Amino acid sequence: MKLYVGVTDTTWFHNLAAQEPPVPDINFWKPGGGAFVALEPGSPFAFKLKAPVNKIAGVGFFHSYTALPLRLMWETFGIRNGRDTYE
């Protein structure tokens, strides 16, 4: 089984961790697109916070990859994108 470690923004992580009730799924996105082929569905996906923290802060399980325009990504996932607003 493969494990992928995604380096992520601390603000993104804390924004999602603060949601009440906890969100059941999230959108881990990257600017600029490009297909994500590193994992198969069900594989573990670890979230490592950027420096200066440099620690694994959580883990989830990969579901799927879909390229979406920014507006549709926001309409689909809303705050599960790790931000409070589209702007």
PDB file of N, CA and C in Angstrom:
ATOM      1  N   MET A   1       0.846  -1.175   0.000  1.00  0.00           N
ATOM      2  CA  MET A   1       0.000   0.000   0.000  1.00  0.00           C
ATOM      3  C   MET A   1       0.890   1.236   0.000  1.00  0.00           C
ATOM      4  N   LYS A   2       0.550   2.192  -0.823  1.00  0.00           N
ATOM      5  CA  LYS A   2       1.294   3.447  -0.878  1.00  0.00           C
ATOM      6  C   LYS A   2       0.723   4.454   0.113  1.00  0.00           C
ATOM      7  N   LEU A   3       1.597   5.326   0.589  1.00  0.00           N
ATOM      8  CA  LEU A   3       1.211   6.457   1.431  1.00  0.00           C
ATOM      9  C   LEU A   3       1.727   7.704   0.736  1.00  0.00           C
ATOM     10  N   TYR A   4       0.898   8.721   0.651  1.00  0.00           N
ATOM     11  CA  TYR A   4       1.313   9.990   0.069  1.00  0.00           C
ATOM     12  C   TYR A   4       1.352  11.030   1.176  1.00  0.00           C
ATOM     13  N   VAL A   5       2.403  11.842   1.198  1.00  0.00           N
ATOM     14  CA  VAL A   5       2.517  12.937   2.165  1.00  0.00           C
ATOM     15  C   VAL A   5       2.359  14.240   1.397  1.00  0.00           C
ATOM     16  N   GLY A   6       1.241  14.921   1.626  1.00  0.00           N
ATOM     17  CA  GLY A   6       0.979  16.202   0.992  1.00  0.00           C
ATOM     18  C   GLY A   6       1.402  17.335   1.915  1.00  0.00           C
ATOM     19  N   VAL A   7       2.311  18.171   1.456  1.00  0.00           N
ATOM     20  CA  VAL A   7       2.748  19.323   2.250  1.00  0.00           C
ATOM     21  C   VAL A   7       1.683  20.396   2.113  1.00  0.00           C
ATOM     22  N   THR A   8       1.202  20.876   3.241  1.00  0.00           N
ATOM     23  CA  THR A   8       0.071  21.788   3.215  1.00  0.00           C
ATOM     24  C   THR A   8       0.292  23.034   4.068  1.00  0.00           C
ATOM     25  N   ASP A   9      -0.498  24.001   3.771  1.00  0.00           N
ATOM     26  CA  ASP A   9      -0.492  25.297   4.436  1.00  0.00           C
ATOM     27  C   ASP A   9      -1.091  25.174   5.839  1.00  0.00           C
ATOM     28  N   THR A  10      -0.439  25.778   6.820  1.00  0.00           N
ATOM     29  CA  THR A  10      -0.922  25.724   8.197  1.00  0.00           C
ATOM     30  C   THR A  10      -2.298  26.362   8.344  1.00  0.00           C
ATOM     31  N   THR A  11      -2.542  27.471   7.655  1.00  0.00           N
ATOM     32  CA  THR A  11      -3.848  28.133   7.720  1.00  0.00           C
ATOM     33  C   THR A  11      -4.940  27.215   7.188  1.00  0.00           C
ATOM     34  N   TRP A  12      -4.670  26.546   6.062  1.00  0.00           N
ATOM     35  CA  TRP A  12      -5.620  25.595   5.477  1.00  0.00           C
ATOM     36  C   TRP A  12      -5.980  24.530   6.516  1.00  0.00           C
ATOM     37  N   PHE A  13      -4.962  23.948   7.134  1.00  0.00           N
ATOM     38  CA  PHE A  13      -5.178  22.884   8.116  1.00  0.00           C
ATOM     39  C   PHE A  13      -5.983  23.377   9.313  1.00  0.00           C
ATOM     40  N   HIS A  14      -5.587  24.491   9.912  1.00  0.00           N
ATOM     41  CA  HIS A  14      -6.273  24.991  11.108  1.00  0.00           C
ATOM     42  C   HIS A  14      -7.707  25.406  10.803  1.00  0.00           C
ATOM     43  N   ASN A  15      -7.942  25.952   9.633  1.00  0.00           N
ATOM     44  CA  ASN A  15      -9.301  26.335   9.250  1.00  0.00           C
ATOM     45  C   ASN A  15     -10.197  25.098   9.195  1.00  0.00           C
ATOM     46  N   LEU A  16      -9.727  24.028   8.602  1.00  0.00           N
ATOM     47  CA  LEU A  16     -10.525  22.802   8.530  1.00  0.00           C
ATOM     48  C   LEU A  16     -10.670  22.135   9.894  1.00  0.00           C
ATOM     49  N   ALA A  17      -9.616  22.138  10.685  1.00  0.00           N
ATOM     50  CA  ALA A  17      -9.653  21.502  12.005  1.00  0.00           C
ATOM     51  C   ALA A  17     -10.615  22.214  12.951  1.00  0.00           C
ATOM     52  N   ALA A  18     -10.871  23.495  12.727  1.00  0.00           N
ATOM     53  CA  ALA A  18     -11.735  24.283  13.612  1.00  0.00           C
ATOM     54  C   ALA A  18     -13.221  24.142  13.287  1.00  0.00           C
ATOM     55  N   GLN A  19     -13.573  23.470  12.215  1.00  0.00           N
ATOM     56  CA  GLN A  19     -14.975  23.365  11.814  1.00  0.00           C
ATOM     57  C   GLN A  19     -15.764  22.525  12.805  1.00  0.00           C
ATOM     58  N   GLU A  20     -16.933  23.033  13.193  1.00  0.00           N
ATOM     59  CA  GLU A  20     -17.849  22.310  14.081  1.00  0.00           C
ATOM     60  C   GLU A  20     -19.198  22.214  13.404  1.00  0.00           C
ATOM     61  N   PRO A  21     -19.725  21.037  13.202  1.00  0.00           N
ATOM     62  CA  PRO A  21     -19.082  19.759  13.462  1.00  0.00           C
ATOM     63  C   PRO A  21     -17.953  19.513  12.463  1.00  0.00           C
ATOM     64  N   PRO A  22     -17.080  18.552  12.758  1.00  0.00           N
ATOM     65  CA  PRO A  22     -15.975  18.272  11.823  1.00  0.00           C
ATOM     66  C   PRO A  22     -16.504  17.930  10.435  1.00  0.00           C
ATOM     67  N   VAL A  23     -15.820  18.393   9.414  1.00  0.00           N
ATOM     68  CA  VAL A  23     -16.250  18.108   8.045  1.00  0.00           C
ATOM     69  C   VAL A  23     -15.902  16.656   7.705  1.00  0.00           C
ATOM     70  N   PRO A  24     -16.810  15.950   7.019  1.00  0.00           N
ATOM     71  CA  PRO A  24     -16.571  14.537   6.733  1.00  0.00           C
ATOM     72  C   PRO A  24     -15.575  14.300   5.592  1.00  0.00           C
ATOM     73  N   ASP A  25     -15.425  15.294   4.737  1.00  0.00           N
ATOM     74  CA  ASP A  25     -14.474  15.173   3.639  1.00  0.00           C
ATOM     75  C   ASP A  25     -13.940  16.557   3.306  1.00  0.00           C
ATOM     76  N   ILE A  26     -12.785  16.587   2.679  1.00  0.00           N
ATOM     77  CA  ILE A  26     -12.138  17.852   2.348  1.00  0.00           C
ATOM     78  C   ILE A  26     -11.640  17.820   0.917  1.00  0.00           C
ATOM     79  N   ASN A  27     -11.266  18.987   0.437  1.00  0.00           N
ATOM     80  CA  ASN A  27     -10.663  19.098  -0.882  1.00  0.00           C
ATOM     81  C   ASN A  27      -9.214  19.523  -0.697  1.00  0.00           C
ATOM     82  N   PHE A  28      -8.304  18.622  -0.975  1.00  0.00           N
ATOM     83  CA  PHE A  28      -6.879  18.958  -0.956  1.00  0.00           C
ATOM     84  C   PHE A  28      -6.527  19.367  -2.373  1.00  0.00           C
ATOM     85  N   TRP A  29      -6.283  20.647  -2.563  1.00  0.00           N
ATOM     86  CA  TRP A  29      -6.071  21.172  -3.911  1.00  0.00           C
ATOM     87  C   TRP A  29      -4.679  21.749  -4.038  1.00  0.00           C
ATOM     88  N   LYS A  30      -4.277  21.887  -5.274  1.00  0.00           N
ATOM     89  CA  LYS A  30      -2.985  22.507  -5.535  1.00  0.00           C
ATOM     90  C   LYS A  30      -3.153  23.496  -6.679  1.00  0.00           C
ATOM     91  N   PRO A  31      -2.560  24.672  -6.541  1.00  0.00           N
ATOM     92  CA  PRO A  31      -2.650  25.664  -7.615  1.00  0.00           C
ATOM     93  C   PRO A  31      -1.957  25.152  -8.867  1.00  0.00           C
ATOM     94  N   GLY A  32      -2.482  25.517  -9.995  1.00  0.00           N
ATOM     95  CA  GLY A  32      -1.854  25.163 -11.255  1.00  0.00           C
ATOM     96  C   GLY A  32      -2.289  23.840 -11.838  1.00  0.00           C
ATOM     97  N   GLY A  33      -3.034  23.063 -11.068  1.00  0.00           N
ATOM     98  CA  GLY A  33      -3.573  21.814 -11.596  1.00  0.00           C
ATOM     99  C   GLY A  33      -2.529  20.752 -11.820  1.00  0.00           C
ATOM    100  N   GLY A  34      -2.752  19.952 -12.814  1.00  0.00           N
ATOM    101  CA  GLY A  34      -1.906  18.791 -13.062  1.00  0.00           C
ATOM    102  C   GLY A  34      -2.529  17.579 -12.410  1.00  0.00           C
ATOM    103  N   ALA A  35      -2.672  16.515 -13.151  1.00  0.00           N
ATOM    104  CA  ALA A  35      -3.331  15.313 -12.645  1.00  0.00           C
ATOM    105  C   ALA A  35      -2.612  14.745 -11.423  1.00  0.00           C
ATOM    106  N   PHE A  36      -3.366  14.174 -10.513  1.00  0.00           N
ATOM    107  CA  PHE A  36      -2.822  13.511  -9.332  1.00  0.00           C
ATOM    108  C   PHE A  36      -2.973  12.013  -9.547  1.00  0.00           C
ATOM    109  N   VAL A  37      -1.858  11.333  -9.730  1.00  0.00           N
ATOM    110  CA  VAL A  37      -1.885   9.895 -10.018  1.00  0.00           C
ATOM    111  C   VAL A  37      -1.073   9.084  -9.004  1.00  0.00           C
ATOM    112  N   ALA A  38      -0.696   9.704  -7.894  1.00  0.00           N
ATOM    113  CA  ALA A  38       0.187   9.052  -6.927  1.00  0.00           C
ATOM    114  C   ALA A  38      -0.503   7.963  -6.109  1.00  0.00           C
ATOM    115  N   LEU A  39      -1.827   8.015  -5.971  1.00  0.00           N
ATOM    116  CA  LEU A  39      -2.534   7.065  -5.111  1.00  0.00           C
ATOM    117  C   LEU A  39      -3.739   6.455  -5.810  1.00  0.00           C
ATOM    118  N   GLU A  40      -4.105   5.290  -5.331  1.00  0.00           N
ATOM    119  CA  GLU A  40      -5.348   4.665  -5.747  1.00  0.00           C
ATOM    120  C   GLU A  40      -6.392   4.957  -4.673  1.00  0.00           C
ATOM    121  N   PRO A  41      -7.680   4.949  -5.023  1.00  0.00           N
ATOM    122  CA  PRO A  41      -8.725   5.185  -4.024  1.00  0.00           C
ATOM    123  C   PRO A  41      -8.561   4.276  -2.803  1.00  0.00           C
ATOM    124  N   GLY A  42      -8.749   4.883  -1.628  1.00  0.00           N
ATOM    125  CA  GLY A  42      -8.621   4.158  -0.366  1.00  0.00           C
ATOM    126  C   GLY A  42      -7.238   4.209   0.252  1.00  0.00           C
ATOM    127  N   SER A  43      -6.257   4.719  -0.474  1.00  0.00           N
ATOM    128  CA  SER A  43      -4.889   4.807   0.052  1.00  0.00           C
ATOM    129  C   SER A  43      -4.769   5.957   1.052  1.00  0.00           C
ATOM    130  N   PRO A  44      -3.899   5.813   2.072  1.00  0.00           N
ATOM    131  CA  PRO A  44      -3.730   6.878   3.058  1.00  0.00           C
ATOM    132  C   PRO A  44      -3.019   8.104   2.475  1.00  0.00           C
ATOM    133  N   PHE A  45      -3.480   9.249   2.905  1.00  0.00           N
ATOM    134  CA  PHE A  45      -2.957  10.544   2.473  1.00  0.00           C
ATOM    135  C   PHE A  45      -2.648  11.327   3.744  1.00  0.00           C
ATOM    136  N   ALA A  46      -1.364  11.537   4.034  1.00  0.00           N
ATOM    137  CA  ALA A  46      -0.955  12.265   5.235  1.00  0.00           C
ATOM    138  C   ALA A  46      -0.777  13.745   4.919  1.00  0.00           C
ATOM    139  N   PHE A  47      -1.090  14.582   5.886  1.00  0.00           N
ATOM    140  CA  PHE A  47      -0.978  16.035   5.738  1.00  0.00           C
ATOM    141  C   PHE A  47       0.164  16.537   6.608  1.00  0.00           C
ATOM    142  N   LYS A  48       1.220  17.012   5.947  1.00  0.00           N
ATOM    143  CA  LYS A  48       2.388  17.541   6.647  1.00  0.00           C
ATOM    144  C   LYS A  48       2.345  19.060   6.563  1.00  0.00           C
ATOM    145  N   LEU A  49       2.443  19.707   7.714  1.00  0.00           N
ATOM    146  CA  LEU A  49       2.441  21.164   7.743  1.00  0.00           C
ATOM    147  C   LEU A  49       3.793  21.706   7.305  1.00  0.00           C
ATOM    148  N   LYS A  50       3.750  22.829   6.585  1.00  0.00           N
ATOM    149  CA  LYS A  50       4.978  23.485   6.109  1.00  0.00           C
ATOM    150  C   LYS A  50       5.821  23.981   7.286  1.00  0.00           C
ATOM    151  N   ALA A  51       7.050  24.350   6.977  1.00  0.00           N
ATOM    152  CA  ALA A  51       7.952  24.943   7.965  1.00  0.00           C
ATOM    153  C   ALA A  51       7.303  26.200   8.532  1.00  0.00           C
ATOM    154  N   PRO A  52       7.492  26.507   9.768  1.00  0.00           N
ATOM    155  CA  PRO A  52       8.462  25.926  10.688  1.00  0.00           C
ATOM    156  C   PRO A  52       7.930  24.717  11.458  1.00  0.00           C
ATOM    157  N   VAL A  53       6.674  24.314  11.249  1.00  0.00           N
ATOM    158  CA  VAL A  53       6.115  23.191  12.014  1.00  0.00           C
ATOM    159  C   VAL A  53       6.729  21.863  11.573  1.00  0.00           C
ATOM    160  N   ASN A  54       6.673  21.565  10.272  1.00  0.00           N
ATOM    161  CA  ASN A  54       7.278  20.356   9.709  1.00  0.00           C
ATOM    162  C   ASN A  54       6.861  19.070  10.414  1.00  0.00           C
ATOM    163  N   LYS A  55       5.563  18.900  10.647  1.00  0.00           N
ATOM    164  CA  LYS A  55       5.055  17.687  11.291  1.00  0.00           C
ATOM    165  C   LYS A  55       3.816  17.190  10.564  1.00  0.00           C
ATOM    166  N   ILE A  56       3.592  15.885  10.649  1.00  0.00           N
ATOM    167  CA  ILE A  56       2.358  15.309  10.140  1.00  0.00           C
ATOM    168  C   ILE A  56       1.239  15.740  11.091  1.00  0.00           C
ATOM    169  N   ALA A  57       0.198  16.352  10.540  1.00  0.00           N
ATOM    170  CA  ALA A  57      -0.879  16.892  11.364  1.00  0.00           C
ATOM    171  C   ALA A  57      -2.177  16.107  11.225  1.00  0.00           C
ATOM    172  N   GLY A  58      -2.245  15.220  10.271  1.00  0.00           N
ATOM    173  CA  GLY A  58      -3.459  14.443  10.090  1.00  0.00           C
ATOM    174  C   GLY A  58      -3.311  13.468   8.944  1.00  0.00           C
ATOM    175  N   VAL A  59      -4.298  12.609   8.825  1.00  0.00           N
ATOM    176  CA  VAL A  59      -4.308  11.634   7.729  1.00  0.00           C
ATOM    177  C   VAL A  59      -5.744  11.410   7.295  1.00  0.00           C
ATOM    178  N   GLY A  60      -5.904  11.182   6.023  1.00  0.00           N
ATOM    179  CA  GLY A  60      -7.205  10.850   5.458  1.00  0.00           C
ATOM    180  C   GLY A  60      -7.002   9.739   4.450  1.00  0.00           C
ATOM    181  N   PHE A  61      -8.049   9.438   3.718  1.00  0.00           N
ATOM    182  CA  PHE A  61      -7.965   8.393   2.708  1.00  0.00           C
ATOM    183  C   PHE A  61      -8.399   8.966   1.372  1.00  0.00           C
ATOM    184  N   PHE A  62      -7.547   8.791   0.388  1.00  0.00           N
ATOM    185  CA  PHE A  62      -7.768   9.344  -0.944  1.00  0.00           C
ATOM    186  C   PHE A  62      -9.016   8.730  -1.570  1.00  0.00           C
ATOM    187  N   HIS A  63      -9.829   9.620  -2.141  1.00  0.00           N
ATOM    188  CA  HIS A  63     -11.042   9.160  -2.829  1.00  0.00           C
ATOM    189  C   HIS A  63     -10.883   9.237  -4.336  1.00  0.00           C
ATOM    190  N   SER A  64     -10.612  10.443  -4.846  1.00  0.00           N
ATOM    191  CA  SER A  64     -10.504  10.604  -6.300  1.00  0.00           C
ATOM    192  C   SER A  64      -9.889  11.949  -6.637  1.00  0.00           C
ATOM    193  N   TYR A  65      -9.508  12.087  -7.894  1.00  0.00           N
ATOM    194  CA  TYR A  65      -8.976  13.342  -8.415  1.00  0.00           C
ATOM    195  C   TYR A  65      -9.886  13.812  -9.541  1.00  0.00           C
ATOM    196  N   THR A  66     -10.230  15.080  -9.509  1.00  0.00           N
ATOM    197  CA  THR A  66     -10.987  15.706 -10.582  1.00  0.00           C
ATOM    198  C   THR A  66     -10.484  17.122 -10.755  1.00  0.00           C
ATOM    199  N   ALA A  67     -10.201  17.522 -11.982  1.00  0.00           N
ATOM    200  CA  ALA A  67      -9.809  18.907 -12.261  1.00  0.00           C
ATOM    201  C   ALA A  67     -11.082  19.738 -12.390  1.00  0.00           C
ATOM    202  N   LEU A  68     -11.151  20.819 -11.625  1.00  0.00           N
ATOM    203  CA  LEU A  68     -12.322  21.696 -11.650  1.00  0.00           C
ATOM    204  C   LEU A  68     -11.887  23.143 -11.799  1.00  0.00           C
ATOM    205  N   PRO A  69     -12.691  23.954 -12.501  1.00  0.00           N
ATOM    206  CA  PRO A  69     -12.441  25.398 -12.486  1.00  0.00           C
ATOM    207  C   PRO A  69     -12.615  25.915 -11.047  1.00  0.00           C
ATOM    208  N   LEU A  70     -11.913  26.971 -10.714  1.00  0.00           N
ATOM    209  CA  LEU A  70     -11.919  27.502  -9.350  1.00  0.00           C
ATOM    210  C   LEU A  70     -13.330  27.753  -8.819  1.00  0.00           C
ATOM    211  N   ARG A  71     -14.184  28.395  -9.596  1.00  0.00           N
ATOM    212  CA  ARG A  71     -15.545  28.706  -9.134  1.00  0.00           C
ATOM    213  C   ARG A  71     -16.326  27.432  -8.831  1.00  0.00           C
ATOM    214  N   LEU A  72     -16.234  26.425  -9.686  1.00  0.00           N
ATOM    215  CA  LEU A  72     -16.946  25.165  -9.460  1.00  0.00           C
ATOM    216  C   LEU A  72     -16.366  24.421  -8.258  1.00  0.00           C
ATOM    217  N   MET A  73     -15.054  24.520  -8.064  1.00  0.00           N
ATOM    218  CA  MET A  73     -14.430  23.915  -6.897  1.00  0.00           C
ATOM    219  C   MET A  73     -15.020  24.524  -5.627  1.00  0.00           C
ATOM    220  N   TRP A  74     -15.166  25.856  -5.614  1.00  0.00           N
ATOM    221  CA  TRP A  74     -15.744  26.512  -4.435  1.00  0.00           C
ATOM    222  C   TRP A  74     -17.205  26.134  -4.257  1.00  0.00           C
ATOM    223  N   GLU A  75     -17.980  26.115  -5.339  1.00  0.00           N
ATOM    224  CA  GLU A  75     -19.398  25.764  -5.244  1.00  0.00           C
ATOM    225  C   GLU A  75     -19.585  24.320  -4.773  1.00  0.00           C
ATOM    226  N   THR A  76     -18.662  23.450  -5.124  1.00  0.00           N
ATOM    227  CA  THR A  76     -18.759  22.044  -4.747  1.00  0.00           C
ATOM    228  C   THR A  76     -18.326  21.802  -3.305  1.00  0.00           C
ATOM    229  N   PHE A  77     -17.207  22.389  -2.891  1.00  0.00           N
ATOM    230  CA  PHE A  77     -16.630  22.077  -1.581  1.00  0.00           C
ATOM    231  C   PHE A  77     -16.768  23.189  -0.549  1.00  0.00           C
ATOM    232  N   GLY A  78     -17.002  24.429  -0.963  1.00  0.00           N
ATOM    233  CA  GLY A  78     -17.149  25.525  -0.001  1.00  0.00           C
ATOM    234  C   GLY A  78     -16.003  25.576   0.993  1.00  0.00           C
ATOM    235  N   ILE A  79     -16.341  25.664   2.286  1.00  0.00           N
ATOM    236  CA  ILE A  79     -15.306  25.771   3.319  1.00  0.00           C
ATOM    237  C   ILE A  79     -14.437  24.518   3.420  1.00  0.00           C
ATOM    238  N   ARG A  80     -14.863  23.428   2.800  1.00  0.00           N
ATOM    239  CA  ARG A  80     -14.039  22.211   2.807  1.00  0.00           C
ATOM    240  C   ARG A  80     -12.813  22.357   1.910  1.00  0.00           C
ATOM    241  N   ASN A  81     -12.689  23.529   1.233  1.00  0.00           N
ATOM    242  CA  ASN A  81     -11.466  23.878   0.515  1.00  0.00           C
ATOM    243  C   ASN A  81     -10.406  24.427   1.458  1.00  0.00           C
ATOM    244  N   GLY A  82     -10.763  24.644   2.732  1.00  0.00           N
ATOM    245  CA  GLY A  82      -9.808  25.148   3.714  1.00  0.00           C
ATOM    246  C   GLY A  82      -9.776  26.657   3.839  1.00  0.00           C
ATOM    247  N   ARG A  83     -10.738  27.326   3.246  1.00  0.00           N
ATOM    248  CA  ARG A  83     -10.845  28.795   3.331  1.00  0.00           C
ATOM    249  C   ARG A  83     -12.270  29.171   3.699  1.00  0.00           C
ATOM    250  N   ASP A  84     -12.429  30.337   4.323  1.00  0.00           N
ATOM    251  CA  ASP A  84     -13.761  30.784   4.738  1.00  0.00           C
ATOM    252  C   ASP A  84     -14.596  31.330   3.592  1.00  0.00           C
ATOM    253  N   THR A  85     -13.932  31.894   2.583  1.00  0.00           N
ATOM    254  CA  THR A  85     -14.645  32.516   1.476  1.00  0.00           C
ATOM    255  C   THR A  85     -13.979  32.182   0.145  1.00  0.00           C
ATOM    256  N   TYR A  86     -14.697  32.363  -0.925  1.00  0.00           N
ATOM    257  CA  TYR A  86     -14.169  32.151  -2.254  1.00  0.00           C
ATOM    258  C   TYR A  86     -13.010  33.105  -2.532  1.00  0.00           C
ATOM    259  N   GLU A  87     -13.133  34.362  -2.111  1.00  0.00           N
ATOM    260  CA  GLU A  87     -12.096  35.354  -2.361  1.00  0.00           C
ATOM    261  C   GLU A  87     -10.808  34.955  -1.701  1.00  0.00           C
TER     262      GLU A  87
END
